[in-house]
Amino acid sequence: MPGALALLIYVLCAATAALCTALLLRGYRRTGTGLLFWSGLCFGFLTLNSVAVIFDIMVFPGTNLQLLRHASSLAAVGTLLFGLIWDEE
C-alpha cells in the first residue's frame, strides 16, 4: 500500500504541474504577457521532471534517470530566470 500511495502523490504532482502549465500558457495566449509564457515553460519542464521521477522510482527502479531529472529541473529554473531577465518592463 505505501507504494500505491507514493505513486498517487507523484501522479498528483505531475498533474498539478501540467495544469499550471496549461493555465499559464492559456493566459499568455489571451494577454500576450511574456512572463506568463516563461512561467508556462518553466512549469512544462517541472512537469517533465515529475514524470521523470515517476519513471525513475516507480516504473524502472533499476535504471538511473537522475541526470534527466536534474536536467529538467535546471531547464525549469534557467527558463524562468531567463524570462525574468529578458522580460523587463
PDB file of N, CA and C in Angstrom:
ATOM      1  N   MET A   1       0.801  -1.213   0.000  1.00  0.00           N
ATOM      2  CA  MET A   1       0.000   0.000   0.000  1.00  0.00           C
ATOM      3  C   MET A   1       0.843   1.278   0.000  1.00  0.00           C
ATOM      4  N   PRO A   2       1.970   1.332   0.705  1.00  0.00           N
ATOM      5  CA  PRO A   2       2.764   2.568   0.661  1.00  0.00           C
ATOM      6  C   PRO A   2       3.260   2.898  -0.743  1.00  0.00           C
ATOM      7  N   GLY A   3       3.535   1.881  -1.561  1.00  0.00           N
ATOM      8  CA  GLY A   3       3.967   2.142  -2.931  1.00  0.00           C
ATOM      9  C   GLY A   3       2.865   2.776  -3.759  1.00  0.00           C
ATOM     10  N   ALA A   4       1.629   2.333  -3.527  1.00  0.00           N
ATOM     11  CA  ALA A   4       0.493   2.898  -4.263  1.00  0.00           C
ATOM     12  C   ALA A   4       0.243   4.342  -3.845  1.00  0.00           C
ATOM     13  N   LEU A   5       0.402   4.613  -2.564  1.00  0.00           N
ATOM     14  CA  LEU A   5       0.213   5.983  -2.076  1.00  0.00           C
ATOM     15  C   LEU A   5       1.296   6.904  -2.638  1.00  0.00           C
ATOM     16  N   ALA A   6       2.528   6.416  -2.678  1.00  0.00           N
ATOM     17  CA  ALA A   6       3.618   7.221  -3.240  1.00  0.00           C
ATOM     18  C   ALA A   6       3.370   7.496  -4.724  1.00  0.00           C
ATOM     19  N   LEU A   7       2.924   6.475  -5.451  1.00  0.00           N
ATOM     20  CA  LEU A   7       2.619   6.665  -6.869  1.00  0.00           C
ATOM     21  C   LEU A   7       1.501   7.683  -7.058  1.00  0.00           C
ATOM     22  N   LEU A   8       0.477   7.612  -6.214  1.00  0.00           N
ATOM     23  CA  LEU A   8      -0.622   8.574  -6.284  1.00  0.00           C
ATOM     24  C   LEU A   8      -0.112   9.996  -6.062  1.00  0.00           C
ATOM     25  N   ILE A   9       0.765  10.171  -5.098  1.00  0.00           N
ATOM     26  CA  ILE A   9       1.301  11.503  -4.811  1.00  0.00           C
ATOM     27  C   ILE A   9       2.138  12.010  -5.985  1.00  0.00           C
ATOM     28  N   TYR A  10       2.971  11.142  -6.560  1.00  0.00           N
ATOM     29  CA  TYR A  10       3.787  11.547  -7.708  1.00  0.00           C
ATOM     30  C   TYR A  10       2.914  11.917  -8.909  1.00  0.00           C
ATOM     31  N   VAL A  11       1.873  11.150  -9.140  1.00  0.00           N
ATOM     32  CA  VAL A  11       0.968  11.445 -10.262  1.00  0.00           C
ATOM     33  C   VAL A  11       0.223  12.752 -10.027  1.00  0.00           C
ATOM     34  N   LEU A  12      -0.199  12.992  -8.794  1.00  0.00           N
ATOM     35  CA  LEU A  12      -0.873  14.256  -8.488  1.00  0.00           C
ATOM     36  C   LEU A  12       0.065  15.450  -8.662  1.00  0.00           C
ATOM     37  N   CYS A  13       1.323  15.283  -8.309  1.00  0.00           N
ATOM     38  CA  CYS A  13       2.299  16.363  -8.520  1.00  0.00           C
ATOM     39  C   CYS A  13       2.481  16.652 -10.006  1.00  0.00           C
ATOM     40  N   ALA A  14       2.579  15.598 -10.806  1.00  0.00           N
ATOM     41  CA  ALA A  14       2.731  15.783 -12.253  1.00  0.00           C
ATOM     42  C   ALA A  14       1.487  16.425 -12.851  1.00  0.00           C
ATOM     43  N   ALA A  15       0.313  15.990 -12.397  1.00  0.00           N
ATOM     44  CA  ALA A  15      -0.939  16.556 -12.913  1.00  0.00           C
ATOM     45  C   ALA A  15      -1.077  18.024 -12.528  1.00  0.00           C
ATOM     46  N   THR A  16      -0.673  18.370 -11.323  1.00  0.00           N
ATOM     47  CA  THR A  16      -0.743  19.761 -10.883  1.00  0.00           C
ATOM     48  C   THR A  16       0.194  20.642 -11.715  1.00  0.00           C
ATOM     49  N   ALA A  17       1.399  20.160 -11.947  1.00  0.00           N
ATOM     50  CA  ALA A  17       2.341  20.929 -12.764  1.00  0.00           C
ATOM     51  C   ALA A  17       1.830  21.070 -14.195  1.00  0.00           C
ATOM     52  N   ALA A  18       1.228  20.014 -14.737  1.00  0.00           N
ATOM     53  CA  ALA A  18       0.673  20.088 -16.094  1.00  0.00           C
ATOM     54  C   ALA A  18      -0.492  21.069 -16.164  1.00  0.00           C
ATOM     55  N   LEU A  19      -1.328  21.072 -15.144  1.00  0.00           N
ATOM     56  CA  LEU A  19      -2.445  22.012 -15.098  1.00  0.00           C
ATOM     57  C   LEU A  19      -1.939  23.453 -15.014  1.00  0.00           C
ATOM     58  N   CYS A  20      -0.917  23.680 -14.199  1.00  0.00           N
ATOM     59  CA  CYS A  20      -0.330  25.026 -14.122  1.00  0.00           C
ATOM     60  C   CYS A  20       0.250  25.442 -15.467  1.00  0.00           C
ATOM     61  N   THR A  21       0.901  24.499 -16.152  1.00  0.00           N
ATOM     62  CA  THR A  21       1.439  24.790 -17.480  1.00  0.00           C
ATOM     63  C   THR A  21       0.335  25.232 -18.426  1.00  0.00           C
ATOM     64  N   ALA A  22      -0.745  24.465 -18.447  1.00  0.00           N
ATOM     65  CA  ALA A  22      -1.854  24.777 -19.355  1.00  0.00           C
ATOM     66  C   ALA A  22      -2.480  26.129 -19.023  1.00  0.00           C
ATOM     67  N   LEU A  23      -2.698  26.391 -17.760  1.00  0.00           N
ATOM     68  CA  LEU A  23      -3.326  27.658 -17.378  1.00  0.00           C
ATOM     69  C   LEU A  23      -2.427  28.855 -17.669  1.00  0.00           C
ATOM     70  N   LEU A  24      -1.132  28.719 -17.399  1.00  0.00           N
ATOM     71  CA  LEU A  24      -0.220  29.827 -17.676  1.00  0.00           C
ATOM     72  C   LEU A  24      -0.103  30.103 -19.171  1.00  0.00           C
ATOM     73  N   LEU A  25      -0.002  29.046 -19.972  1.00  0.00           N
ATOM     74  CA  LEU A  25       0.104  29.253 -21.416  1.00  0.00           C
ATOM     75  C   LEU A  25      -1.208  29.762 -22.009  1.00  0.00           C
ATOM     76  N   ARG A  26      -2.333  29.360 -21.433  1.00  0.00           N
ATOM     77  CA  ARG A  26      -3.613  29.902 -21.879  1.00  0.00           C
ATOM     78  C   ARG A  26      -3.716  31.390 -21.548  1.00  0.00           C
ATOM     79  N   GLY A  27      -3.230  31.758 -20.363  1.00  0.00           N
ATOM     80  CA  GLY A  27      -3.209  33.170 -20.001  1.00  0.00           C
ATOM     81  C   GLY A  27      -2.289  33.976 -20.900  1.00  0.00           C
ATOM     82  N   TYR A  28      -1.174  33.361 -21.292  1.00  0.00           N
ATOM     83  CA  TYR A  28      -0.269  34.048 -22.224  1.00  0.00           C
ATOM     84  C   TYR A  28      -0.935  34.253 -23.577  1.00  0.00           C
ATOM     85  N   ARG A  29      -1.662  33.248 -24.042  1.00  0.00           N
ATOM     86  CA  ARG A  29      -2.328  33.352 -25.336  1.00  0.00           C
ATOM     87  C   ARG A  29      -3.376  34.459 -25.322  1.00  0.00           C
ATOM     88  N   ARG A  30      -4.022  34.644 -24.182  1.00  0.00           N
ATOM     89  CA  ARG A  30      -5.044  35.699 -24.084  1.00  0.00           C
ATOM     90  C   ARG A  30      -4.449  37.096 -23.996  1.00  0.00           C
ATOM     91  N   THR A  31      -3.401  37.239 -23.159  1.00  0.00           N
ATOM     92  CA  THR A  31      -2.887  38.578 -22.865  1.00  0.00           C
ATOM     93  C   THR A  31      -1.606  38.929 -23.602  1.00  0.00           C
ATOM     94  N   GLY A  32      -0.810  37.933 -23.944  1.00  0.00           N
ATOM     95  CA  GLY A  32       0.459  38.206 -24.594  1.00  0.00           C
ATOM     96  C   GLY A  32       1.550  38.657 -23.641  1.00  0.00           C
ATOM     97  N   THR A  33       1.339  38.494 -22.341  1.00  0.00           N
ATOM     98  CA  THR A  33       2.335  38.882 -21.354  1.00  0.00           C
ATOM     99  C   THR A  33       3.478  37.871 -21.356  1.00  0.00           C
ATOM    100  N   GLY A  34       4.674  38.365 -21.533  1.00  0.00           N
ATOM    101  CA  GLY A  34       5.826  37.490 -21.669  1.00  0.00           C
ATOM    102  C   GLY A  34       6.122  36.651 -20.441  1.00  0.00           C
ATOM    103  N   LEU A  35       5.896  37.210 -19.269  1.00  0.00           N
ATOM    104  CA  LEU A  35       6.192  36.476 -18.047  1.00  0.00           C
ATOM    105  C   LEU A  35       5.308  35.240 -17.905  1.00  0.00           C
ATOM    106  N   LEU A  36       4.097  35.305 -18.401  1.00  0.00           N
ATOM    107  CA  LEU A  36       3.233  34.120 -18.389  1.00  0.00           C
ATOM    108  C   LEU A  36       3.808  33.032 -19.295  1.00  0.00           C
ATOM    109  N   PHE A  37       4.378  33.414 -20.413  1.00  0.00           N
ATOM    110  CA  PHE A  37       4.990  32.450 -21.322  1.00  0.00           C
ATOM    111  C   PHE A  37       6.171  31.749 -20.665  1.00  0.00           C
ATOM    112  N   TRP A  38       7.075  32.531 -20.059  1.00  0.00           N
ATOM    113  CA  TRP A  38       8.251  31.942 -19.439  1.00  0.00           C
ATOM    114  C   TRP A  38       7.872  31.084 -18.231  1.00  0.00           C
ATOM    115  N   SER A  39       6.877  31.517 -17.489  1.00  0.00           N
ATOM    116  CA  SER A  39       6.413  30.716 -16.356  1.00  0.00           C
ATOM    117  C   SER A  39       5.766  29.418 -16.833  1.00  0.00           C
ATOM    118  N   GLY A  40       5.031  29.487 -17.937  1.00  0.00           N
ATOM    119  CA  GLY A  40       4.432  28.290 -18.506  1.00  0.00           C
ATOM    120  C   GLY A  40       5.480  27.295 -18.965  1.00  0.00           C
ATOM    121  N   LEU A  41       6.553  27.799 -19.595  1.00  0.00           N
ATOM    122  CA  LEU A  41       7.636  26.908 -19.991  1.00  0.00           C
ATOM    123  C   LEU A  41       8.327  26.295 -18.780  1.00  0.00           C
ATOM    124  N   CYS A  42       8.500  27.089 -17.736  1.00  0.00           N
ATOM    125  CA  CYS A  42       9.100  26.589 -16.510  1.00  0.00           C
ATOM    126  C   CYS A  42       8.274  25.438 -15.940  1.00  0.00           C
ATOM    127  N   PHE A  43       6.981  25.622 -15.864  1.00  0.00           N
ATOM    128  CA  PHE A  43       6.130  24.558 -15.335  1.00  0.00           C
ATOM    129  C   PHE A  43       6.052  23.371 -16.294  1.00  0.00           C
ATOM    130  N   GLY A  44       6.256  23.594 -17.576  1.00  0.00           N
ATOM    131  CA  GLY A  44       6.352  22.480 -18.511  1.00  0.00           C
ATOM    132  C   GLY A  44       7.558  21.599 -18.194  1.00  0.00           C
ATOM    133  N   PHE A  45       8.687  22.231 -17.919  1.00  0.00           N
ATOM    134  CA  PHE A  45       9.869  21.470 -17.528  1.00  0.00           C
ATOM    135  C   PHE A  45       9.681  20.807 -16.159  1.00  0.00           C
ATOM    136  N   LEU A  46       8.955  21.463 -15.261  1.00  0.00           N
ATOM    137  CA  LEU A  46       8.670  20.843 -13.968  1.00  0.00           C
ATOM    138  C   LEU A  46       7.743  19.638 -14.127  1.00  0.00           C
ATOM    139  N   THR A  47       6.837  19.694 -15.106  1.00  0.00           N
ATOM    140  CA  THR A  47       6.004  18.533 -15.416  1.00  0.00           C
ATOM    141  C   THR A  47       6.872  17.392 -15.908  1.00  0.00           C
ATOM    142  N   LEU A  48       7.801  17.701 -16.802  1.00  0.00           N
ATOM    143  CA  LEU A  48       8.733  16.688 -17.280  1.00  0.00           C
ATOM    144  C   LEU A  48       9.532  16.094 -16.123  1.00  0.00           C
ATOM    145  N   ASN A  49       9.927  16.926 -15.190  1.00  0.00           N
ATOM    146  CA  ASN A  49      10.660  16.460 -14.027  1.00  0.00           C
ATOM    147  C   ASN A  49       9.803  15.502 -13.193  1.00  0.00           C
ATOM    148  N   SER A  50       8.550  15.833 -12.990  1.00  0.00           N
ATOM    149  CA  SER A  50       7.667  14.966 -12.210  1.00  0.00           C
ATOM    150  C   SER A  50       7.435  13.625 -12.906  1.00  0.00           C
ATOM    151  N   VAL A  51       7.292  13.659 -14.214  1.00  0.00           N
ATOM    152  CA  VAL A  51       7.121  12.412 -14.963  1.00  0.00           C
ATOM    153  C   VAL A  51       8.406  11.581 -14.899  1.00  0.00           C
ATOM    154  N   ALA A  52       9.548  12.244 -14.971  1.00  0.00           N
ATOM    155  CA  ALA A  52      10.818  11.527 -14.852  1.00  0.00           C
ATOM    156  C   ALA A  52      10.963  10.880 -13.480  1.00  0.00           C
ATOM    157  N   VAL A  53      10.474  11.541 -12.437  1.00  0.00           N
ATOM    158  CA  VAL A  53      10.507  10.952 -11.095  1.00  0.00           C
ATOM    159  C   VAL A  53       9.648   9.694 -11.051  1.00  0.00           C
ATOM    160  N   ILE A  54       8.480   9.743 -11.656  1.00  0.00           N
ATOM    161  CA  ILE A  54       7.603   8.571 -11.671  1.00  0.00           C
ATOM    162  C   ILE A  54       8.291   7.413 -12.386  1.00  0.00           C
ATOM    163  N   PHE A  55       8.872   7.691 -13.548  1.00  0.00           N
ATOM    164  CA  PHE A  55       9.539   6.625 -14.287  1.00  0.00           C
ATOM    165  C   PHE A  55      10.782   6.127 -13.559  1.00  0.00           C
ATOM    166  N   ASP A  56      11.513   7.032 -12.931  1.00  0.00           N
ATOM    167  CA  ASP A  56      12.749   6.655 -12.254  1.00  0.00           C
ATOM    168  C   ASP A  56      12.481   5.799 -11.024  1.00  0.00           C
ATOM    169  N   ILE A  57      11.511   6.177 -10.230  1.00  0.00           N
ATOM    170  CA  ILE A  57      11.289   5.498  -8.952  1.00  0.00           C
ATOM    171  C   ILE A  57      10.304   4.346  -9.076  1.00  0.00           C
ATOM    172  N   MET A  58       9.247   4.520  -9.835  1.00  0.00           N
ATOM    173  CA  MET A  58       8.178   3.525  -9.846  1.00  0.00           C
ATOM    174  C   MET A  58       8.224   2.560 -11.033  1.00  0.00           C
ATOM    175  N   VAL A  59       8.435   3.072 -12.224  1.00  0.00           N
ATOM    176  CA  VAL A  59       8.318   2.230 -13.420  1.00  0.00           C
ATOM    177  C   VAL A  59       9.604   1.443 -13.670  1.00  0.00           C
ATOM    178  N   PHE A  60      10.740   2.137 -13.667  1.00  0.00           N
ATOM    179  CA  PHE A  60      12.033   1.496 -13.909  1.00  0.00           C
ATOM    180  C   PHE A  60      12.944   1.689 -12.699  1.00  0.00           C
ATOM    181  N   PRO A  61      12.709   0.967 -11.600  1.00  0.00           N
ATOM    182  CA  PRO A  61      13.510   1.201 -10.396  1.00  0.00           C
ATOM    183  C   PRO A  61      14.978   0.792 -10.551  1.00  0.00           C
ATOM    184  N   GLY A  62      15.285  -0.049 -11.527  1.00  0.00           N
ATOM    185  CA  GLY A  62      16.668  -0.488 -11.711  1.00  0.00           C
ATOM    186  C   GLY A  62      17.516   0.490 -12.509  1.00  0.00           C
ATOM    187  N   THR A  63      16.888   1.413 -13.208  1.00  0.00           N
ATOM    188  CA  THR A  63      17.635   2.381 -14.011  1.00  0.00           C
ATOM    189  C   THR A  63      17.804   3.679 -13.246  1.00  0.00           C
ATOM    190  N   ASN A  64      18.758   4.459 -13.687  1.00  0.00           N
ATOM    191  CA  ASN A  64      19.037   5.728 -13.021  1.00  0.00           C
ATOM    192  C   ASN A  64      18.717   6.862 -13.989  1.00  0.00           C
ATOM    193  N   LEU A  65      17.625   7.536 -13.761  1.00  0.00           N
ATOM    194  CA  LEU A  65      17.230   8.677 -14.577  1.00  0.00           C
ATOM    195  C   LEU A  65      17.508   9.999 -13.867  1.00  0.00           C
ATOM    196  N   GLN A  66      18.455   9.967 -12.962  1.00  0.00           N
ATOM    197  CA  GLN A  66      18.748  11.157 -12.173  1.00  0.00           C
ATOM    198  C   GLN A  66      19.266  12.302 -13.045  1.00  0.00           C
ATOM    199  N   LEU A  67      20.010  11.978 -14.094  1.00  0.00           N
ATOM    200  CA  LEU A  67      20.522  13.025 -14.984  1.00  0.00           C
ATOM    201  C   LEU A  67      19.374  13.754 -15.681  1.00  0.00           C
ATOM    202  N   LEU A  68      18.373  13.004 -16.147  1.00  0.00           N
ATOM    203  CA  LEU A  68      17.199  13.619 -16.767  1.00  0.00           C
ATOM    204  C   LEU A  68      16.431  14.474 -15.760  1.00  0.00           C
ATOM    205  N   ARG A  69      16.303  13.970 -14.544  1.00  0.00           N
ATOM    206  CA  ARG A  69      15.588  14.725 -13.507  1.00  0.00           C
ATOM    207  C   ARG A  69      16.293  16.035 -13.192  1.00  0.00           C
ATOM    208  N   HIS A  70      17.608  15.983 -13.037  1.00  0.00           N
ATOM    209  CA  HIS A  70      18.352  17.208 -12.733  1.00  0.00           C
ATOM    210  C   HIS A  70      18.380  18.163 -13.931  1.00  0.00           C
ATOM    211  N   ALA A  71      18.476  17.606 -15.128  1.00  0.00           N
ATOM    212  CA  ALA A  71      18.499  18.458 -16.321  1.00  0.00           C
ATOM    213  C   ALA A  71      17.170  19.192 -16.504  1.00  0.00           C
ATOM    214  N   SER A  72      16.049  18.496 -16.242  1.00  0.00           N
ATOM    215  CA  SER A  72      14.755  19.165 -16.390  1.00  0.00           C
ATOM    216  C   SER A  72      14.545  20.210 -15.294  1.00  0.00           C
ATOM    217  N   SER A  73      15.040  19.952 -14.106  1.00  0.00           N
ATOM    218  CA  SER A  73      14.954  20.967 -13.045  1.00  0.00           C
ATOM    219  C   SER A  73      15.790  22.190 -13.383  1.00  0.00           C
ATOM    220  N   LEU A  74      16.990  21.953 -13.897  1.00  0.00           N
ATOM    221  CA  LEU A  74      17.853  23.064 -14.291  1.00  0.00           C
ATOM    222  C   LEU A  74      17.242  23.851 -15.438  1.00  0.00           C
ATOM    223  N   ALA A  75      16.634  23.143 -16.386  1.00  0.00           N
ATOM    224  CA  ALA A  75      15.978  23.826 -17.505  1.00  0.00           C
ATOM    225  C   ALA A  75      14.803  24.663 -17.016  1.00  0.00           C
ATOM    226  N   ALA A  76      14.057  24.158 -16.032  1.00  0.00           N
ATOM    227  CA  ALA A  76      12.926  24.907 -15.495  1.00  0.00           C
ATOM    228  C   ALA A  76      13.386  26.202 -14.832  1.00  0.00           C
ATOM    229  N   VAL A  77      14.374  26.095 -13.964  1.00  0.00           N
ATOM    230  CA  VAL A  77      14.862  27.287 -13.260  1.00  0.00           C
ATOM    231  C   VAL A  77      15.551  28.238 -14.234  1.00  0.00           C
ATOM    232  N   GLY A  78      16.324  27.678 -15.160  1.00  0.00           N
ATOM    233  CA  GLY A  78      17.005  28.522 -16.142  1.00  0.00           C
ATOM    234  C   GLY A  78      16.042  29.260 -17.047  1.00  0.00           C
ATOM    235  N   THR A  79      14.975  28.584 -17.442  1.00  0.00           N
ATOM    236  CA  THR A  79      13.970  29.222 -18.291  1.00  0.00           C
ATOM    237  C   THR A  79      13.294  30.375 -17.565  1.00  0.00           C
ATOM    238  N   LEU A  80      12.909  30.145 -16.333  1.00  0.00           N
ATOM    239  CA  LEU A  80      12.249  31.209 -15.576  1.00  0.00           C
ATOM    240  C   LEU A  80      13.210  32.370 -15.316  1.00  0.00           C
ATOM    241  N   LEU A  81      14.445  32.054 -14.991  1.00  0.00           N
ATOM    242  CA  LEU A  81      15.429  33.110 -14.760  1.00  0.00           C
ATOM    243  C   LEU A  81      15.679  33.914 -16.029  1.00  0.00           C
ATOM    244  N   PHE A  82      15.808  33.223 -17.152  1.00  0.00           N
ATOM    245  CA  PHE A  82      15.985  33.912 -18.427  1.00  0.00           C
ATOM    246  C   PHE A  82      14.790  34.804 -18.731  1.00  0.00           C
ATOM    247  N   GLY A  83      13.591  34.281 -18.476  1.00  0.00           N
ATOM    248  CA  GLY A  83      12.377  35.065 -18.714  1.00  0.00           C
ATOM    249  C   GLY A  83      12.297  36.294 -17.828  1.00  0.00           C
ATOM    250  N   LEU A  84      12.707  36.146 -16.585  1.00  0.00           N
ATOM    251  CA  LEU A  84      12.687  37.305 -15.682  1.00  0.00           C
ATOM    252  C   LEU A  84      13.677  38.369 -16.110  1.00  0.00           C
ATOM    253  N   ILE A  85      14.836  37.950 -16.596  1.00  0.00           N
ATOM    254  CA  ILE A  85      15.841  38.916 -17.046  1.00  0.00           C
ATOM    255  C   ILE A  85      15.429  39.517 -18.382  1.00  0.00           C
ATOM    256  N   TRP A  86      14.958  38.700 -19.310  1.00  0.00           N
ATOM    257  CA  TRP A  86      14.618  39.142 -20.656  1.00  0.00           C
ATOM    258  C   TRP A  86      13.396  40.046 -20.682  1.00  0.00           C
ATOM    259  N   ASP A  87      12.407  39.736 -19.842  1.00  0.00           N
ATOM    260  CA  ASP A  87      11.134  40.446 -19.864  1.00  0.00           C
ATOM    261  C   ASP A  87      11.159  41.593 -18.857  1.00  0.00           C
ATOM    262  N   GLU A  88      11.919  42.622 -19.165  1.00  0.00           N
ATOM    263  CA  GLU A  88      11.956  43.773 -18.273  1.00  0.00           C
ATOM    264  C   GLU A  88      10.964  44.811 -18.755  1.00  0.00           C
ATOM    265  N   GLU A  89      10.244  45.370 -17.834  1.00  0.00           N
ATOM    266  CA  GLU A  89       9.232  46.363 -18.207  1.00  0.00           C
ATOM    267  C   GLU A  89       9.609  47.728 -17.679  1.00  0.00           C
TER     268      GLU A  89
END
